[in-house]
Amino acid sequence: MTDSNKIAKAHEALETAEAALKLAKQLLGEMGGFSPKVTAEHYAEKAAIVGKAATGGRVIEGVFDGQGMVDKKGTTYPVPANYASKSKLIPGDVLKLTVTEEGKFLYKQIGPVERKTVIGPLVYNEGQYQVLANGKAYKVLLASVTYFRAAVGDEVTLIIPLHDDKAEWAAIEAVLPKFEDSGAADEKEPVKKTRKKKEINLEDELDI
């Protein structure tokens, strides 16, 4: 095979691969099982609306993206996972960061985004805790799972943004108790939780 033929074959293979990838993304989008990767720009645009950095850069306002705070320039600041979990922060919440003279970061929630609650099971997939709800898999912080003492398989109440379909993260509101029949119709006892992590197949869980 000549070099020109090899080049032609290579171009043909690339075009085929690109077409297949495009089709796969289209099908996933139509099924609604997964959303495109959310970048910092998505929340930077929101941050540009809600506030500006104060003189000297001591106070900065931004938007929570599920893990950190994104300011209007697209810079991401770390938000302590314990604070995010206890405060039940969700993507879109407006935060104010105060940087002290000692260099400490102090956060305050100043603009909660509209939210709603859904219910779904907690799963563990590829090293990440997620909750299957609202037709997708929402990521949740490990600190949130630990704080609520949740276990894989637990049904949890999840807080998600009301109007942000691109959000990949959510906050745990509460863990629903499990019950099993004890032989009497009016007597039920909680089922002991198992803390063993279990890898799951998201396609099966979401009926893709």
N, C-alpha and C. Protein backbone atom coordinates (compact mmCIF):
# COMPACT_ATOMS: atom_id res chain seq x y z
N MET A 1 0.85 -1.19 0.00
CA MET A 1 0.00 0.00 0.00
C MET A 1 0.89 1.25 0.00
N THR A 2 0.62 2.17 -0.88
CA THR A 2 1.44 3.38 -0.99
C THR A 2 1.11 4.32 0.16
N ASP A 3 2.01 5.34 0.32
CA ASP A 3 1.80 6.31 1.38
C ASP A 3 0.50 7.08 1.19
N SER A 4 0.20 7.42 -0.07
CA SER A 4 -1.03 8.16 -0.35
C SER A 4 -2.26 7.35 0.02
N ASN A 5 -2.21 6.04 -0.24
CA ASN A 5 -3.33 5.17 0.12
C ASN A 5 -3.49 5.06 1.63
N LYS A 6 -2.34 4.99 2.33
CA LYS A 6 -2.38 4.92 3.78
C LYS A 6 -3.00 6.19 4.38
N ILE A 7 -2.62 7.33 3.81
CA ILE A 7 -3.16 8.60 4.30
C ILE A 7 -4.67 8.67 4.06
N ALA A 8 -5.08 8.22 2.90
CA ALA A 8 -6.51 8.22 2.58
C ALA A 8 -7.28 7.32 3.53
N LYS A 9 -6.71 6.13 3.81
CA LYS A 9 -7.35 5.21 4.74
C LYS A 9 -7.44 5.81 6.15
N ALA A 10 -6.36 6.51 6.55
CA ALA A 10 -6.34 7.12 7.87
C ALA A 10 -7.42 8.19 8.00
N HIS A 11 -7.57 9.03 6.96
CA HIS A 11 -8.61 10.05 6.97
C HIS A 11 -10.00 9.43 7.02
N GLU A 12 -10.15 8.34 6.29
CA GLU A 12 -11.45 7.65 6.27
C GLU A 12 -11.78 7.08 7.65
N ALA A 13 -10.76 6.52 8.33
CA ALA A 13 -10.97 5.97 9.67
C ALA A 13 -11.33 7.07 10.67
N LEU A 14 -10.66 8.23 10.56
CA LEU A 14 -10.95 9.34 11.45
C LEU A 14 -12.37 9.85 11.26
N GLU A 15 -12.79 9.97 10.01
CA GLU A 15 -14.14 10.44 9.72
C GLU A 15 -15.18 9.48 10.28
N THR A 16 -14.91 8.18 10.17
CA THR A 16 -15.83 7.18 10.69
C THR A 16 -15.93 7.27 12.21
N ALA A 17 -14.76 7.43 12.88
CA ALA A 17 -14.74 7.53 14.33
C ALA A 17 -15.46 8.78 14.82
N GLU A 18 -15.24 9.90 14.12
CA GLU A 18 -15.89 11.15 14.51
C GLU A 18 -17.40 11.05 14.35
N ALA A 19 -17.84 10.41 13.28
CA ALA A 19 -19.28 10.24 13.04
C ALA A 19 -19.90 9.37 14.13
N ALA A 20 -19.18 8.31 14.52
CA ALA A 20 -19.69 7.42 15.56
C ALA A 20 -19.78 8.13 16.90
N LEU A 21 -18.76 8.95 17.21
CA LEU A 21 -18.75 9.68 18.47
C LEU A 21 -19.88 10.70 18.51
N LYS A 22 -20.11 11.38 17.39
CA LYS A 22 -21.18 12.36 17.31
C LYS A 22 -22.54 11.70 17.53
N LEU A 23 -22.72 10.53 16.91
CA LEU A 23 -23.98 9.80 17.05
C LEU A 23 -24.19 9.35 18.49
N ALA A 24 -23.12 8.87 19.14
CA ALA A 24 -23.23 8.41 20.52
C ALA A 24 -23.64 9.55 21.45
N LYS A 25 -23.04 10.73 21.26
CA LYS A 25 -23.38 11.89 22.08
C LYS A 25 -24.83 12.30 21.86
N GLN A 26 -25.26 12.24 20.60
CA GLN A 26 -26.64 12.60 20.27
C GLN A 26 -27.63 11.67 20.94
N LEU A 27 -27.34 10.36 20.89
CA LEU A 27 -28.24 9.38 21.50
C LEU A 27 -28.32 9.54 23.01
N LEU A 28 -27.15 9.78 23.65
CA LEU A 28 -27.14 9.99 25.10
C LEU A 28 -27.92 11.24 25.48
N GLY A 29 -27.78 12.28 24.65
CA GLY A 29 -28.51 13.51 24.92
C GLY A 29 -30.00 13.33 24.81
N GLU A 30 -30.45 12.54 23.81
CA GLU A 30 -31.87 12.29 23.63
C GLU A 30 -32.45 11.49 24.78
N MET A 31 -31.65 10.56 25.34
CA MET A 31 -32.14 9.74 26.44
C MET A 31 -32.12 10.48 27.76
N GLY A 32 -31.35 11.54 27.84
CA GLY A 32 -31.33 12.33 29.05
C GLY A 32 -30.64 11.67 30.22
N GLY A 33 -29.94 10.56 29.98
CA GLY A 33 -29.29 9.85 31.07
C GLY A 33 -28.07 10.55 31.59
N PHE A 34 -27.37 11.25 30.71
CA PHE A 34 -26.15 11.92 31.11
C PHE A 34 -26.15 13.32 30.51
N SER A 35 -25.51 14.25 31.20
CA SER A 35 -25.41 15.61 30.71
C SER A 35 -23.98 15.90 30.31
N PRO A 36 -23.75 16.88 29.39
CA PRO A 36 -22.38 17.21 28.98
C PRO A 36 -21.56 17.71 30.16
N LYS A 37 -20.25 17.59 30.03
CA LYS A 37 -19.35 18.05 31.08
C LYS A 37 -19.57 19.53 31.35
N VAL A 38 -19.81 19.87 32.60
CA VAL A 38 -20.04 21.25 32.97
C VAL A 38 -18.70 21.90 33.29
N THR A 39 -18.40 23.01 32.62
CA THR A 39 -17.13 23.69 32.83
C THR A 39 -17.32 24.87 33.78
N ALA A 40 -16.18 25.44 34.21
CA ALA A 40 -16.23 26.57 35.12
C ALA A 40 -16.90 27.78 34.49
N GLU A 41 -16.85 27.88 33.15
CA GLU A 41 -17.44 29.03 32.47
C GLU A 41 -18.94 29.12 32.74
N HIS A 42 -19.58 27.97 32.91
CA HIS A 42 -21.02 27.96 33.15
C HIS A 42 -21.35 28.73 34.42
N TYR A 43 -20.54 28.55 35.46
CA TYR A 43 -20.78 29.23 36.72
C TYR A 43 -20.10 30.60 36.78
N ALA A 44 -19.07 30.81 35.98
CA ALA A 44 -18.41 32.11 35.92
C ALA A 44 -19.38 33.16 35.36
N GLU A 45 -20.19 32.76 34.39
CA GLU A 45 -21.19 33.67 33.83
C GLU A 45 -22.19 34.09 34.89
N LYS A 46 -22.59 33.15 35.75
CA LYS A 46 -23.51 33.48 36.83
C LYS A 46 -22.84 34.39 37.84
N ALA A 47 -21.56 34.12 38.12
CA ALA A 47 -20.83 34.90 39.11
C ALA A 47 -20.65 36.35 38.65
N ALA A 48 -20.52 36.57 37.34
CA ALA A 48 -20.34 37.91 36.82
C ALA A 48 -21.56 38.78 37.08
N ILE A 49 -22.70 38.13 37.26
CA ILE A 49 -23.94 38.87 37.48
C ILE A 49 -24.14 39.22 38.95
N VAL A 50 -23.75 38.31 39.83
CA VAL A 50 -24.11 38.46 41.25
C VAL A 50 -23.20 39.40 42.03
N GLY A 51 -21.96 39.66 41.59
CA GLY A 51 -21.12 40.54 42.38
C GLY A 51 -19.73 40.72 41.82
N LYS A 52 -18.98 41.64 42.43
CA LYS A 52 -17.63 41.94 42.02
C LYS A 52 -16.69 41.80 43.20
N ALA A 53 -15.40 41.62 42.90
CA ALA A 53 -14.40 41.55 43.97
C ALA A 53 -14.25 42.91 44.62
N ALA A 54 -14.18 42.93 45.93
CA ALA A 54 -14.02 44.19 46.65
C ALA A 54 -12.61 44.72 46.48
N THR A 55 -12.44 46.01 46.78
CA THR A 55 -11.12 46.64 46.67
C THR A 55 -10.12 45.88 47.53
N GLY A 56 -8.97 45.57 46.94
CA GLY A 56 -7.94 44.85 47.67
C GLY A 56 -8.10 43.36 47.60
N GLY A 57 -9.21 42.88 47.05
CA GLY A 57 -9.42 41.45 46.89
C GLY A 57 -9.69 40.71 48.18
N ARG A 58 -10.10 41.44 49.25
CA ARG A 58 -10.36 40.78 50.53
C ARG A 58 -11.69 40.04 50.53
N VAL A 59 -12.65 40.54 49.78
CA VAL A 59 -13.96 39.90 49.71
C VAL A 59 -14.29 39.59 48.26
N ILE A 60 -14.64 38.35 48.01
CA ILE A 60 -14.94 37.90 46.65
C ILE A 60 -16.28 37.18 46.65
N GLU A 61 -17.10 37.49 45.65
CA GLU A 61 -18.37 36.79 45.51
C GLU A 61 -18.31 35.86 44.31
N GLY A 62 -18.97 34.73 44.45
CA GLY A 62 -18.95 33.77 43.36
C GLY A 62 -20.11 32.79 43.48
N VAL A 63 -20.06 31.77 42.64
CA VAL A 63 -21.14 30.79 42.58
C VAL A 63 -20.57 29.40 42.86
N PHE A 64 -21.27 28.65 43.69
CA PHE A 64 -20.87 27.29 44.02
C PHE A 64 -21.15 26.37 42.83
N ASP A 65 -20.16 25.53 42.47
CA ASP A 65 -20.33 24.64 41.32
C ASP A 65 -20.51 23.17 41.72
N GLY A 66 -20.60 22.93 43.01
CA GLY A 66 -20.74 21.56 43.49
C GLY A 66 -19.57 21.13 44.34
N GLN A 67 -18.41 21.76 44.11
CA GLN A 67 -17.21 21.46 44.89
C GLN A 67 -16.50 22.71 45.37
N GLY A 68 -16.46 23.74 44.53
CA GLY A 68 -15.78 24.97 44.87
C GLY A 68 -16.60 26.18 44.48
N MET A 69 -16.04 27.38 44.72
CA MET A 69 -16.69 28.62 44.34
C MET A 69 -16.00 29.21 43.12
N VAL A 70 -16.77 29.55 42.10
CA VAL A 70 -16.23 30.12 40.86
C VAL A 70 -16.57 31.60 40.81
N ASP A 71 -15.53 32.46 40.64
CA ASP A 71 -15.80 33.90 40.55
C ASP A 71 -16.06 34.29 39.11
N LYS A 72 -16.27 35.58 38.86
CA LYS A 72 -16.65 36.05 37.53
C LYS A 72 -15.54 35.87 36.50
N LYS A 73 -14.30 35.71 36.97
CA LYS A 73 -13.18 35.51 36.05
C LYS A 73 -12.96 34.04 35.73
N GLY A 74 -13.72 33.17 36.38
CA GLY A 74 -13.57 31.74 36.15
C GLY A 74 -12.60 31.07 37.10
N THR A 75 -12.10 31.84 38.07
CA THR A 75 -11.19 31.27 39.06
C THR A 75 -11.97 30.47 40.09
N THR A 76 -11.50 29.28 40.40
CA THR A 76 -12.19 28.41 41.36
C THR A 76 -11.47 28.45 42.70
N TYR A 77 -12.24 28.67 43.77
CA TYR A 77 -11.71 28.70 45.13
C TYR A 77 -12.23 27.48 45.89
N PRO A 78 -11.37 26.82 46.66
CA PRO A 78 -11.80 25.61 47.38
C PRO A 78 -12.80 25.93 48.48
N VAL A 79 -13.86 25.16 48.53
CA VAL A 79 -14.86 25.28 49.60
C VAL A 79 -14.75 24.03 50.46
N PRO A 80 -14.55 24.17 51.77
CA PRO A 80 -14.44 22.99 52.63
C PRO A 80 -15.65 22.07 52.45
N ALA A 81 -15.36 20.79 52.22
CA ALA A 81 -16.43 19.83 51.96
C ALA A 81 -17.39 19.71 53.15
N ASN A 82 -16.85 19.80 54.36
CA ASN A 82 -17.71 19.70 55.54
C ASN A 82 -18.71 20.86 55.60
N TYR A 83 -18.22 22.06 55.27
CA TYR A 83 -19.10 23.24 55.27
C TYR A 83 -20.18 23.09 54.20
N ALA A 84 -19.76 22.65 53.00
CA ALA A 84 -20.70 22.48 51.90
C ALA A 84 -21.77 21.45 52.24
N SER A 85 -21.36 20.38 52.92
CA SER A 85 -22.30 19.31 53.27
C SER A 85 -23.29 19.76 54.35
N LYS A 86 -22.77 20.37 55.40
CA LYS A 86 -23.64 20.80 56.50
C LYS A 86 -24.57 21.93 56.07
N SER A 87 -24.09 22.79 55.17
CA SER A 87 -24.90 23.91 54.69
C SER A 87 -25.81 23.49 53.53
N LYS A 88 -25.62 22.25 53.05
CA LYS A 88 -26.42 21.70 51.95
C LYS A 88 -26.37 22.61 50.72
N LEU A 89 -25.13 22.99 50.36
CA LEU A 89 -24.94 23.83 49.19
C LEU A 89 -25.17 23.03 47.92
N ILE A 90 -25.75 23.68 46.91
CA ILE A 90 -25.95 23.06 45.61
C ILE A 90 -25.45 24.00 44.53
N PRO A 91 -25.16 23.49 43.34
CA PRO A 91 -24.68 24.34 42.26
C PRO A 91 -25.63 25.52 42.00
N GLY A 92 -25.04 26.71 41.91
CA GLY A 92 -25.82 27.91 41.67
C GLY A 92 -25.94 28.80 42.89
N ASP A 93 -25.69 28.25 44.09
CA ASP A 93 -25.75 29.06 45.31
C ASP A 93 -24.67 30.14 45.27
N VAL A 94 -25.05 31.35 45.65
CA VAL A 94 -24.11 32.47 45.65
C VAL A 94 -23.41 32.53 47.01
N LEU A 95 -22.08 32.62 46.96
CA LEU A 95 -21.28 32.65 48.19
C LEU A 95 -20.44 33.92 48.25
N LYS A 96 -20.13 34.33 49.46
CA LYS A 96 -19.19 35.44 49.68
C LYS A 96 -17.98 34.88 50.41
N LEU A 97 -16.82 35.08 49.84
CA LEU A 97 -15.57 34.62 50.45
C LEU A 97 -14.82 35.80 51.04
N THR A 98 -14.53 35.70 52.32
CA THR A 98 -13.71 36.72 52.99
C THR A 98 -12.35 36.10 53.29
N VAL A 99 -11.30 36.73 52.79
CA VAL A 99 -9.93 36.28 53.04
C VAL A 99 -9.35 37.14 54.16
N THR A 100 -9.07 36.54 55.30
CA THR A 100 -8.57 37.30 56.45
C THR A 100 -7.10 37.66 56.25
N GLU A 101 -6.60 38.52 57.12
CA GLU A 101 -5.20 38.92 57.06
C GLU A 101 -4.28 37.73 57.30
N GLU A 102 -4.79 36.72 58.02
CA GLU A 102 -3.99 35.52 58.28
C GLU A 102 -4.07 34.54 57.12
N GLY A 103 -4.87 34.88 56.10
CA GLY A 103 -4.97 34.01 54.94
C GLY A 103 -6.06 32.95 55.04
N LYS A 104 -6.93 33.05 56.05
CA LYS A 104 -8.01 32.09 56.19
C LYS A 104 -9.15 32.43 55.23
N PHE A 105 -9.80 31.39 54.75
CA PHE A 105 -10.95 31.56 53.86
C PHE A 105 -12.23 31.36 54.67
N LEU A 106 -13.07 32.37 54.71
CA LEU A 106 -14.34 32.30 55.41
C LEU A 106 -15.47 32.48 54.41
N TYR A 107 -16.34 31.47 54.33
CA TYR A 107 -17.43 31.51 53.36
C TYR A 107 -18.76 31.81 54.04
N LYS A 108 -19.64 32.46 53.28
CA LYS A 108 -20.99 32.71 53.76
C LYS A 108 -21.94 32.61 52.57
N GLN A 109 -23.02 31.87 52.75
CA GLN A 109 -24.02 31.74 51.69
C GLN A 109 -24.90 32.99 51.71
N ILE A 110 -24.92 33.71 50.60
CA ILE A 110 -25.68 34.97 50.57
C ILE A 110 -26.81 34.94 49.55
N GLY A 111 -26.87 33.93 48.72
CA GLY A 111 -27.93 33.88 47.71
C GLY A 111 -28.27 32.47 47.31
N PRO A 112 -29.09 31.77 48.11
CA PRO A 112 -29.46 30.40 47.75
C PRO A 112 -30.23 30.37 46.43
N VAL A 113 -29.87 29.46 45.56
CA VAL A 113 -30.58 29.30 44.30
C VAL A 113 -31.88 28.54 44.58
N GLU A 114 -32.87 28.71 43.70
CA GLU A 114 -34.11 27.96 43.87
C GLU A 114 -33.82 26.47 43.77
N ARG A 115 -34.43 25.69 44.61
CA ARG A 115 -34.14 24.27 44.66
C ARG A 115 -35.40 23.45 44.78
N LYS A 116 -35.23 22.14 44.55
CA LYS A 116 -36.31 21.19 44.76
C LYS A 116 -35.69 19.90 45.27
N THR A 117 -36.51 19.02 45.80
CA THR A 117 -36.02 17.75 46.33
C THR A 117 -36.56 16.59 45.51
N VAL A 118 -35.72 15.58 45.36
CA VAL A 118 -36.09 14.35 44.68
C VAL A 118 -35.58 13.19 45.54
N ILE A 119 -36.01 12.00 45.24
CA ILE A 119 -35.60 10.83 46.01
C ILE A 119 -34.96 9.80 45.09
N GLY A 120 -33.87 9.20 45.55
CA GLY A 120 -33.21 8.18 44.76
C GLY A 120 -32.23 7.38 45.59
N PRO A 121 -31.72 6.28 45.04
CA PRO A 121 -30.78 5.43 45.77
C PRO A 121 -29.34 5.95 45.68
N LEU A 122 -28.59 5.73 46.74
CA LEU A 122 -27.17 6.07 46.75
C LEU A 122 -26.39 4.91 46.14
N VAL A 123 -25.50 5.23 45.19
CA VAL A 123 -24.68 4.20 44.55
C VAL A 123 -23.22 4.64 44.59
N TYR A 124 -22.34 3.70 44.27
CA TYR A 124 -20.91 3.98 44.24
C TYR A 124 -20.38 3.49 42.91
N ASN A 125 -19.93 4.42 42.07
CA ASN A 125 -19.53 4.07 40.72
C ASN A 125 -18.20 4.73 40.36
N GLU A 126 -17.20 3.90 40.03
CA GLU A 126 -15.89 4.38 39.59
C GLU A 126 -15.30 5.39 40.58
N GLY A 127 -15.36 5.04 41.87
CA GLY A 127 -14.73 5.88 42.89
C GLY A 127 -15.51 7.11 43.28
N GLN A 128 -16.79 7.21 42.89
CA GLN A 128 -17.59 8.40 43.17
C GLN A 128 -18.97 8.00 43.68
N TYR A 129 -19.38 8.61 44.80
CA TYR A 129 -20.74 8.41 45.28
C TYR A 129 -21.70 9.23 44.41
N GLN A 130 -22.82 8.60 44.05
CA GLN A 130 -23.82 9.27 43.23
C GLN A 130 -25.21 8.87 43.71
N VAL A 131 -26.17 9.69 43.35
CA VAL A 131 -27.57 9.37 43.63
C VAL A 131 -28.32 9.38 42.31
N LEU A 132 -29.04 8.31 42.04
CA LEU A 132 -29.80 8.19 40.80
C LEU A 132 -31.19 8.77 41.01
N ALA A 133 -31.42 9.91 40.39
CA ALA A 133 -32.70 10.59 40.56
C ALA A 133 -32.94 11.54 39.40
N ASN A 134 -34.19 11.83 39.15
CA ASN A 134 -34.54 12.81 38.12
C ASN A 134 -34.00 12.42 36.75
N GLY A 135 -33.83 11.11 36.52
CA GLY A 135 -33.38 10.63 35.22
C GLY A 135 -31.89 10.75 34.97
N LYS A 136 -31.08 11.02 36.01
CA LYS A 136 -29.64 11.12 35.83
C LYS A 136 -28.92 10.72 37.11
N ALA A 137 -27.59 10.70 37.03
CA ALA A 137 -26.78 10.36 38.20
C ALA A 137 -26.13 11.64 38.72
N TYR A 138 -26.52 12.06 39.92
CA TYR A 138 -25.96 13.26 40.55
C TYR A 138 -24.81 12.86 41.46
N LYS A 139 -23.70 13.57 41.36
CA LYS A 139 -22.57 13.34 42.25
C LYS A 139 -22.86 14.00 43.60
N VAL A 140 -22.41 13.35 44.66
CA VAL A 140 -22.53 13.93 46.01
C VAL A 140 -21.18 13.84 46.69
N LEU A 141 -20.92 14.78 47.57
CA LEU A 141 -19.63 14.83 48.26
C LEU A 141 -19.48 13.67 49.24
N LEU A 142 -18.27 13.15 49.32
CA LEU A 142 -17.97 12.09 50.29
C LEU A 142 -18.27 12.58 51.70
N ALA A 143 -17.96 13.85 51.97
CA ALA A 143 -18.21 14.40 53.30
C ALA A 143 -19.70 14.40 53.62
N SER A 144 -20.54 14.57 52.60
CA SER A 144 -21.99 14.55 52.80
C SER A 144 -22.47 13.14 53.12
N VAL A 145 -21.92 12.15 52.42
CA VAL A 145 -22.26 10.75 52.69
C VAL A 145 -21.86 10.38 54.11
N THR A 146 -20.67 10.82 54.52
CA THR A 146 -20.18 10.53 55.87
C THR A 146 -20.98 11.25 56.93
N TYR A 147 -21.30 12.51 56.66
CA TYR A 147 -22.04 13.34 57.63
C TYR A 147 -23.41 12.74 57.94
N PHE A 148 -24.08 12.23 56.91
CA PHE A 148 -25.41 11.65 57.10
C PHE A 148 -25.36 10.14 57.35
N ARG A 149 -24.13 9.58 57.42
CA ARG A 149 -23.94 8.16 57.67
C ARG A 149 -24.75 7.31 56.67
N ALA A 150 -24.70 7.73 55.44
CA ALA A 150 -25.43 7.01 54.39
C ALA A 150 -24.62 5.81 53.92
N ALA A 151 -25.31 4.82 53.40
CA ALA A 151 -24.67 3.62 52.87
C ALA A 151 -25.22 3.33 51.48
N VAL A 152 -24.42 2.66 50.67
CA VAL A 152 -24.85 2.29 49.33
C VAL A 152 -26.16 1.51 49.40
N GLY A 153 -27.11 1.92 48.59
CA GLY A 153 -28.42 1.28 48.58
C GLY A 153 -29.47 2.05 49.35
N ASP A 154 -29.02 2.99 50.20
CA ASP A 154 -29.97 3.81 50.95
C ASP A 154 -30.77 4.71 50.00
N GLU A 155 -32.03 4.90 50.30
CA GLU A 155 -32.84 5.90 49.61
C GLU A 155 -32.61 7.23 50.31
N VAL A 156 -32.25 8.25 49.55
CA VAL A 156 -31.98 9.55 50.16
C VAL A 156 -32.83 10.63 49.50
N THR A 157 -33.11 11.66 50.28
CA THR A 157 -33.74 12.85 49.74
C THR A 157 -32.62 13.76 49.25
N LEU A 158 -32.69 14.14 48.00
CA LEU A 158 -31.61 14.90 47.36
C LEU A 158 -32.10 16.29 47.00
N ILE A 159 -31.25 17.29 47.24
CA ILE A 159 -31.57 18.67 46.87
C ILE A 159 -30.87 18.99 45.56
N ILE A 160 -31.62 19.43 44.56
CA ILE A 160 -31.06 19.77 43.26
C ILE A 160 -31.54 21.16 42.85
N PRO A 161 -30.80 21.84 41.94
CA PRO A 161 -31.26 23.15 41.46
C PRO A 161 -32.58 23.01 40.70
N LEU A 162 -33.45 23.99 40.87
CA LEU A 162 -34.75 23.93 40.23
C LEU A 162 -34.66 24.19 38.73
N HIS A 163 -33.76 25.10 38.34
CA HIS A 163 -33.73 25.52 36.94
C HIS A 163 -32.43 25.22 36.21
N ASP A 164 -31.49 24.52 36.84
CA ASP A 164 -30.19 24.26 36.22
C ASP A 164 -30.09 22.79 35.82
N ASP A 165 -30.41 22.49 34.56
CA ASP A 165 -30.36 21.11 34.08
C ASP A 165 -28.93 20.61 33.87
N LYS A 166 -27.95 21.54 33.83
CA LYS A 166 -26.57 21.16 33.60
C LYS A 166 -25.85 20.73 34.87
N ALA A 167 -26.47 20.96 36.01
CA ALA A 167 -25.82 20.66 37.28
C ALA A 167 -25.51 19.16 37.39
N GLU A 168 -24.26 18.85 37.74
CA GLU A 168 -23.84 17.46 37.91
C GLU A 168 -23.81 17.06 39.38
N TRP A 169 -23.80 18.06 40.29
CA TRP A 169 -23.70 17.80 41.72
C TRP A 169 -25.00 18.15 42.42
N ALA A 170 -25.21 17.55 43.58
CA ALA A 170 -26.39 17.84 44.39
C ALA A 170 -26.01 17.64 45.86
N ALA A 171 -26.96 17.95 46.75
CA ALA A 171 -26.69 17.83 48.19
C ALA A 171 -27.70 16.88 48.82
N ILE A 172 -27.21 16.09 49.76
CA ILE A 172 -28.09 15.18 50.48
C ILE A 172 -28.86 15.96 51.55
N GLU A 173 -30.17 15.81 51.53
CA GLU A 173 -31.03 16.46 52.53
C GLU A 173 -31.22 15.55 53.73
N ALA A 174 -31.45 14.26 53.46
CA ALA A 174 -31.67 13.30 54.54
C ALA A 174 -31.61 11.89 53.98
N VAL A 175 -31.39 10.93 54.87
CA VAL A 175 -31.42 9.52 54.51
C VAL A 175 -32.73 8.93 54.99
N LEU A 176 -33.47 8.30 54.08
CA LEU A 176 -34.75 7.71 54.45
C LEU A 176 -34.53 6.38 55.16
N PRO A 177 -35.27 6.13 56.23
CA PRO A 177 -35.10 4.87 56.96
C PRO A 177 -35.60 3.69 56.15
N LYS A 178 -34.97 2.53 56.35
CA LYS A 178 -35.40 1.30 55.70
C LYS A 178 -36.22 0.48 56.69
N PHE A 179 -37.24 -0.19 56.17
CA PHE A 179 -38.06 -1.04 57.01
C PHE A 179 -38.29 -2.37 56.32
N GLU A 180 -38.53 -3.38 57.13
CA GLU A 180 -38.88 -4.69 56.57
C GLU A 180 -40.01 -5.29 57.41
N ASP A 181 -40.79 -6.14 56.78
CA ASP A 181 -41.90 -6.77 57.50
C ASP A 181 -41.36 -7.70 58.59
N SER A 182 -41.95 -7.64 59.76
CA SER A 182 -41.51 -8.48 60.87
C SER A 182 -42.53 -9.56 61.20
N GLY A 183 -43.50 -9.77 60.30
CA GLY A 183 -44.51 -10.79 60.52
C GLY A 183 -45.84 -10.19 60.91
N ALA A 184 -45.81 -9.01 61.49
CA ALA A 184 -47.04 -8.31 61.84
C ALA A 184 -47.21 -7.13 60.92
N ALA A 185 -48.44 -6.89 60.48
CA ALA A 185 -48.69 -5.84 59.50
C ALA A 185 -48.43 -4.47 60.07
N ASP A 186 -48.61 -4.32 61.40
CA ASP A 186 -48.46 -3.00 62.01
C ASP A 186 -47.14 -2.82 62.73
N GLU A 187 -46.22 -3.78 62.62
CA GLU A 187 -44.92 -3.67 63.29
C GLU A 187 -43.81 -3.76 62.26
N LYS A 188 -42.96 -2.74 62.26
CA LYS A 188 -41.85 -2.71 61.32
C LYS A 188 -40.59 -2.32 62.06
N GLU A 189 -39.49 -2.88 61.67
CA GLU A 189 -38.21 -2.57 62.29
C GLU A 189 -37.23 -2.08 61.24
N PRO A 190 -36.39 -1.13 61.61
CA PRO A 190 -35.38 -0.65 60.67
C PRO A 190 -34.43 -1.76 60.27
N VAL A 191 -34.02 -1.72 59.03
CA VAL A 191 -33.04 -2.69 58.54
C VAL A 191 -31.65 -2.14 58.75
N LYS A 192 -30.74 -2.96 59.23
CA LYS A 192 -29.37 -2.51 59.44
C LYS A 192 -28.72 -2.20 58.11
N LYS A 193 -27.97 -1.10 58.07
CA LYS A 193 -27.31 -0.67 56.85
C LYS A 193 -26.04 -1.47 56.61
N THR A 194 -25.75 -1.68 55.36
CA THR A 194 -24.47 -2.30 55.00
C THR A 194 -23.59 -1.22 54.42
N ARG A 195 -22.35 -1.18 54.84
CA ARG A 195 -21.47 -0.12 54.40
C ARG A 195 -20.48 -0.57 53.33
N LYS A 196 -20.74 -1.72 52.75
CA LYS A 196 -19.87 -2.20 51.70
C LYS A 196 -20.12 -1.45 50.41
N LYS A 197 -19.07 -0.91 49.84
CA LYS A 197 -19.20 -0.19 48.57
C LYS A 197 -19.48 -1.17 47.45
N LYS A 198 -20.31 -0.76 46.56
CA LYS A 198 -20.69 -1.64 45.47
C LYS A 198 -20.67 -0.88 44.15
N GLU A 199 -19.88 -1.37 43.21
CA GLU A 199 -19.85 -0.75 41.90
C GLU A 199 -21.14 -1.10 41.16
N ILE A 200 -21.69 -0.13 40.43
CA ILE A 200 -22.94 -0.37 39.73
C ILE A 200 -22.79 -0.03 38.25
N ASN A 201 -23.72 -0.52 37.47
CA ASN A 201 -23.77 -0.20 36.05
C ASN A 201 -24.82 0.87 35.85
N LEU A 202 -24.39 2.11 35.57
CA LEU A 202 -25.32 3.21 35.46
C LEU A 202 -26.32 3.02 34.33
N GLU A 203 -25.90 2.35 33.25
CA GLU A 203 -26.80 2.15 32.14
C GLU A 203 -27.98 1.28 32.56
N ASP A 204 -27.71 0.25 33.38
CA ASP A 204 -28.78 -0.62 33.86
C ASP A 204 -29.70 0.14 34.81
N GLU A 205 -29.08 0.92 35.72
CA GLU A 205 -29.87 1.63 36.73
C GLU A 205 -30.76 2.68 36.11
N LEU A 206 -30.27 3.35 35.05
CA LEU A 206 -31.02 4.43 34.42
C LEU A 206 -31.82 3.96 33.22
N ASP A 207 -31.84 2.63 32.98
CA ASP A 207 -32.61 2.03 31.87
C ASP A 207 -32.20 2.63 30.54
N ILE A 208 -30.85 2.75 30.33
CA ILE A 208 -30.37 3.29 29.05
C ILE A 208 -30.32 2.17 28.02
